[in-house]
Amino acid sequence: MKRSVKLYGEKGPEDFFERPKRRGPAVLAPPVIQEVQEFLANDHSLPEIGLQLGLKVDTLRKAVSSGRLHKPKKNLATHNGRTCPQ
């Protein structure tokens, strides 16, 4: 409470009610997404891509799970009547 009163007293109501500054999506810009998508199309793994482009694997994983990046589906083959990845 004291911190809020101090901020209001020092900077006034305009700064007190100002929205907090947030960071933007700087890591996965459209050119980077396109480059990562090309690597995924060539069957590179997320750790390999991260090392090569200097990106965190977790950032790439979150982009895949949110739908911004698409992993290609693996080809399936049958083996003794069962469907198995190649």
N, C-alpha and C. Protein backbone atom coordinates (compact mmCIF):
# COMPACT_ATOMS: atom_id res chain seq x y z
N MET A 1 0.83 -1.18 0.00
CA MET A 1 0.00 0.00 0.00
C MET A 1 0.87 1.25 0.00
N LYS A 2 1.92 1.22 0.81
CA LYS A 2 2.80 2.39 0.88
C LYS A 2 3.45 2.67 -0.47
N ARG A 3 3.80 1.60 -1.17
CA ARG A 3 4.44 1.76 -2.47
C ARG A 3 3.49 2.44 -3.45
N SER A 4 2.23 2.07 -3.43
CA SER A 4 1.25 2.68 -4.32
C SER A 4 1.04 4.16 -4.00
N VAL A 5 0.95 4.48 -2.71
CA VAL A 5 0.76 5.88 -2.30
C VAL A 5 1.97 6.71 -2.71
N LYS A 6 3.17 6.15 -2.55
CA LYS A 6 4.40 6.85 -2.91
C LYS A 6 4.42 7.12 -4.42
N LEU A 7 4.09 6.12 -5.23
CA LEU A 7 4.06 6.27 -6.69
C LEU A 7 3.05 7.33 -7.09
N TYR A 8 1.87 7.30 -6.49
CA TYR A 8 0.83 8.28 -6.80
C TYR A 8 1.27 9.68 -6.42
N GLY A 9 1.93 9.81 -5.27
CA GLY A 9 2.39 11.11 -4.81
C GLY A 9 3.53 11.66 -5.65
N GLU A 10 4.44 10.80 -6.10
CA GLU A 10 5.62 11.27 -6.86
C GLU A 10 5.29 11.54 -8.33
N LYS A 11 4.51 10.67 -8.94
CA LYS A 11 4.33 10.76 -10.39
C LYS A 11 2.93 11.22 -10.81
N GLY A 12 2.00 11.25 -9.89
CA GLY A 12 0.67 11.74 -10.22
C GLY A 12 -0.24 10.65 -10.75
N PRO A 13 -1.50 11.00 -10.98
CA PRO A 13 -2.47 9.99 -11.40
C PRO A 13 -2.24 9.44 -12.81
N GLU A 14 -1.62 10.23 -13.71
CA GLU A 14 -1.39 9.73 -15.09
C GLU A 14 -0.47 8.53 -15.09
N ASP A 15 0.63 8.63 -14.34
CA ASP A 15 1.57 7.51 -14.30
C ASP A 15 1.09 6.38 -13.41
N PHE A 16 0.30 6.71 -12.38
CA PHE A 16 -0.19 5.68 -11.48
C PHE A 16 -1.13 4.72 -12.21
N PHE A 17 -1.99 5.25 -13.06
CA PHE A 17 -2.96 4.42 -13.76
C PHE A 17 -2.49 3.98 -15.15
N GLU A 18 -1.23 4.24 -15.46
CA GLU A 18 -0.68 3.83 -16.76
C GLU A 18 -0.55 2.31 -16.81
N ARG A 19 -0.80 1.75 -17.97
CA ARG A 19 -0.65 0.30 -18.13
C ARG A 19 0.81 -0.08 -17.99
N PRO A 20 1.09 -1.22 -17.36
CA PRO A 20 2.48 -1.65 -17.24
C PRO A 20 3.05 -2.00 -18.61
N LYS A 21 4.32 -1.73 -18.78
CA LYS A 21 4.98 -2.02 -20.05
C LYS A 21 5.22 -3.53 -20.15
N ARG A 22 4.86 -4.10 -21.27
CA ARG A 22 5.01 -5.53 -21.51
C ARG A 22 5.98 -5.73 -22.67
N ARG A 23 6.62 -6.86 -22.65
CA ARG A 23 7.53 -7.15 -23.76
C ARG A 23 6.75 -7.78 -24.91
N GLY A 24 7.27 -7.63 -26.10
CA GLY A 24 6.59 -8.14 -27.29
C GLY A 24 7.19 -9.45 -27.75
N PRO A 25 6.60 -10.07 -28.77
CA PRO A 25 7.12 -11.34 -29.30
C PRO A 25 8.31 -11.09 -30.22
N ALA A 26 9.48 -10.96 -29.65
CA ALA A 26 10.65 -10.62 -30.45
C ALA A 26 11.41 -11.83 -30.97
N VAL A 27 11.25 -12.97 -30.32
CA VAL A 27 12.07 -14.13 -30.67
C VAL A 27 11.58 -14.81 -31.95
N LEU A 28 10.31 -15.08 -32.04
CA LEU A 28 9.78 -15.80 -33.19
C LEU A 28 9.07 -14.85 -34.15
N ALA A 29 9.86 -14.03 -34.80
CA ALA A 29 9.34 -13.13 -35.82
C ALA A 29 9.02 -13.96 -37.07
N PRO A 30 8.20 -13.45 -37.97
CA PRO A 30 7.83 -14.23 -39.17
C PRO A 30 9.00 -14.82 -39.96
N PRO A 31 10.11 -14.09 -40.18
CA PRO A 31 11.21 -14.75 -40.92
C PRO A 31 11.81 -15.94 -40.16
N VAL A 32 11.87 -15.84 -38.84
CA VAL A 32 12.42 -16.94 -38.04
C VAL A 32 11.46 -18.12 -38.06
N ILE A 33 10.16 -17.86 -37.98
CA ILE A 33 9.17 -18.94 -38.03
C ILE A 33 9.27 -19.68 -39.36
N GLN A 34 9.45 -18.93 -40.43
CA GLN A 34 9.58 -19.56 -41.75
C GLN A 34 10.83 -20.44 -41.82
N GLU A 35 11.93 -19.95 -41.26
CA GLU A 35 13.18 -20.72 -41.28
C GLU A 35 13.05 -21.99 -40.43
N VAL A 36 12.43 -21.88 -39.26
CA VAL A 36 12.23 -23.04 -38.40
C VAL A 36 11.31 -24.04 -39.08
N GLN A 37 10.28 -23.55 -39.76
CA GLN A 37 9.34 -24.44 -40.44
C GLN A 37 10.04 -25.23 -41.54
N GLU A 38 11.00 -24.61 -42.23
CA GLU A 38 11.78 -25.33 -43.26
C GLU A 38 12.61 -26.44 -42.63
N PHE A 39 13.21 -26.16 -41.46
CA PHE A 39 13.97 -27.20 -40.76
C PHE A 39 13.06 -28.35 -40.35
N LEU A 40 11.87 -28.02 -39.84
CA LEU A 40 10.93 -29.07 -39.43
C LEU A 40 10.50 -29.92 -40.63
N ALA A 41 10.33 -29.29 -41.79
CA ALA A 41 9.93 -30.02 -42.99
C ALA A 41 11.03 -30.99 -43.43
N ASN A 42 12.28 -30.68 -43.07
CA ASN A 42 13.40 -31.55 -43.42
C ASN A 42 13.74 -32.53 -42.30
N ASP A 43 12.78 -32.78 -41.40
CA ASP A 43 12.90 -33.77 -40.32
C ASP A 43 14.02 -33.48 -39.32
N HIS A 44 14.28 -32.21 -39.04
CA HIS A 44 15.20 -31.86 -37.96
C HIS A 44 14.44 -31.84 -36.65
N SER A 45 15.11 -32.18 -35.56
CA SER A 45 14.44 -32.18 -34.26
C SER A 45 14.48 -30.76 -33.66
N LEU A 46 13.63 -30.52 -32.67
CA LEU A 46 13.59 -29.20 -32.04
C LEU A 46 14.92 -28.84 -31.37
N PRO A 47 15.58 -29.77 -30.66
CA PRO A 47 16.89 -29.40 -30.09
C PRO A 47 17.94 -29.04 -31.15
N GLU A 48 17.93 -29.75 -32.27
CA GLU A 48 18.87 -29.42 -33.35
C GLU A 48 18.62 -28.02 -33.89
N ILE A 49 17.34 -27.70 -34.11
CA ILE A 49 16.98 -26.39 -34.65
C ILE A 49 17.35 -25.29 -33.65
N GLY A 50 17.07 -25.56 -32.38
CA GLY A 50 17.40 -24.58 -31.35
C GLY A 50 18.88 -24.27 -31.29
N LEU A 51 19.70 -25.30 -31.37
CA LEU A 51 21.15 -25.09 -31.35
C LEU A 51 21.62 -24.33 -32.58
N GLN A 52 21.07 -24.68 -33.72
CA GLN A 52 21.51 -24.06 -34.96
C GLN A 52 21.11 -22.59 -35.06
N LEU A 53 19.91 -22.26 -34.56
CA LEU A 53 19.40 -20.89 -34.70
C LEU A 53 19.55 -20.06 -33.43
N GLY A 54 20.03 -20.67 -32.36
CA GLY A 54 20.19 -19.94 -31.11
C GLY A 54 18.87 -19.67 -30.40
N LEU A 55 17.94 -20.62 -30.49
CA LEU A 55 16.64 -20.48 -29.85
C LEU A 55 16.50 -21.52 -28.74
N LYS A 56 15.70 -21.22 -27.75
CA LYS A 56 15.46 -22.18 -26.68
C LYS A 56 14.49 -23.24 -27.19
N VAL A 57 14.74 -24.48 -26.79
CA VAL A 57 13.89 -25.59 -27.22
C VAL A 57 12.47 -25.39 -26.69
N ASP A 58 12.35 -24.85 -25.48
CA ASP A 58 11.03 -24.63 -24.90
C ASP A 58 10.23 -23.62 -25.71
N THR A 59 10.89 -22.61 -26.25
CA THR A 59 10.22 -21.63 -27.10
C THR A 59 9.66 -22.31 -28.35
N LEU A 60 10.45 -23.18 -28.95
CA LEU A 60 10.00 -23.91 -30.14
C LEU A 60 8.87 -24.87 -29.81
N ARG A 61 8.98 -25.55 -28.67
CA ARG A 61 7.94 -26.49 -28.26
C ARG A 61 6.61 -25.78 -28.04
N LYS A 62 6.67 -24.61 -27.39
CA LYS A 62 5.44 -23.84 -27.15
C LYS A 62 4.84 -23.35 -28.47
N ALA A 63 5.68 -22.99 -29.42
CA ALA A 63 5.16 -22.54 -30.72
C ALA A 63 4.49 -23.69 -31.46
N VAL A 64 5.01 -24.89 -31.32
CA VAL A 64 4.39 -26.06 -31.95
C VAL A 64 3.06 -26.37 -31.28
N SER A 65 3.04 -26.31 -29.94
CA SER A 65 1.80 -26.65 -29.24
C SER A 65 0.71 -25.60 -29.43
N SER A 66 1.11 -24.33 -29.67
CA SER A 66 0.11 -23.29 -29.89
C SER A 66 -0.34 -23.21 -31.36
N GLY A 67 0.34 -23.94 -32.25
CA GLY A 67 -0.06 -23.98 -33.64
C GLY A 67 0.67 -22.99 -34.54
N ARG A 68 1.64 -22.24 -33.99
CA ARG A 68 2.40 -21.31 -34.84
C ARG A 68 3.40 -22.04 -35.71
N LEU A 69 3.85 -23.22 -35.27
CA LEU A 69 4.73 -24.08 -36.06
C LEU A 69 4.04 -25.44 -36.20
N HIS A 70 4.31 -26.12 -37.31
CA HIS A 70 3.67 -27.41 -37.57
C HIS A 70 4.74 -28.46 -37.83
N LYS A 71 4.70 -29.51 -37.01
CA LYS A 71 5.58 -30.65 -37.26
C LYS A 71 4.93 -31.52 -38.32
N PRO A 72 5.70 -32.00 -39.30
CA PRO A 72 5.11 -32.88 -40.31
C PRO A 72 4.74 -34.22 -39.69
N LYS A 73 3.69 -34.81 -40.20
CA LYS A 73 3.26 -36.12 -39.71
C LYS A 73 4.24 -37.18 -40.19
N LYS A 74 4.50 -38.16 -39.33
CA LYS A 74 5.41 -39.24 -39.70
C LYS A 74 4.69 -40.22 -40.61
N ASN A 75 5.44 -40.79 -41.55
CA ASN A 75 4.88 -41.80 -42.44
C ASN A 75 4.67 -43.09 -41.65
N LEU A 76 3.53 -43.69 -41.85
CA LEU A 76 3.23 -44.93 -41.14
C LEU A 76 3.29 -46.11 -42.10
N ALA A 77 3.83 -47.19 -41.63
CA ALA A 77 3.91 -48.42 -42.44
C ALA A 77 3.31 -49.55 -41.62
N THR A 78 2.87 -50.58 -42.31
CA THR A 78 2.33 -51.72 -41.60
C THR A 78 3.42 -52.78 -41.44
N HIS A 79 3.40 -53.39 -40.25
CA HIS A 79 4.36 -54.44 -39.95
C HIS A 79 3.61 -55.53 -39.21
N ASN A 80 3.46 -56.68 -39.85
CA ASN A 80 2.71 -57.80 -39.28
C ASN A 80 1.29 -57.39 -38.90
N GLY A 81 0.67 -56.61 -39.77
CA GLY A 81 -0.71 -56.23 -39.54
C GLY A 81 -0.89 -55.04 -38.60
N ARG A 82 0.19 -54.51 -38.08
CA ARG A 82 0.13 -53.36 -37.18
C ARG A 82 0.68 -52.13 -37.89
N THR A 83 0.16 -50.98 -37.50
CA THR A 83 0.68 -49.73 -38.04
C THR A 83 1.82 -49.25 -37.14
N CYS A 84 2.99 -49.04 -37.74
CA CYS A 84 4.17 -48.66 -36.98
C CYS A 84 4.84 -47.46 -37.66
N PRO A 85 5.43 -46.53 -36.88
CA PRO A 85 6.20 -45.45 -37.52
C PRO A 85 7.46 -46.01 -38.14
N GLN A 86 7.89 -45.43 -39.23
CA GLN A 86 9.11 -45.91 -39.89
C GLN A 86 10.33 -45.36 -39.24
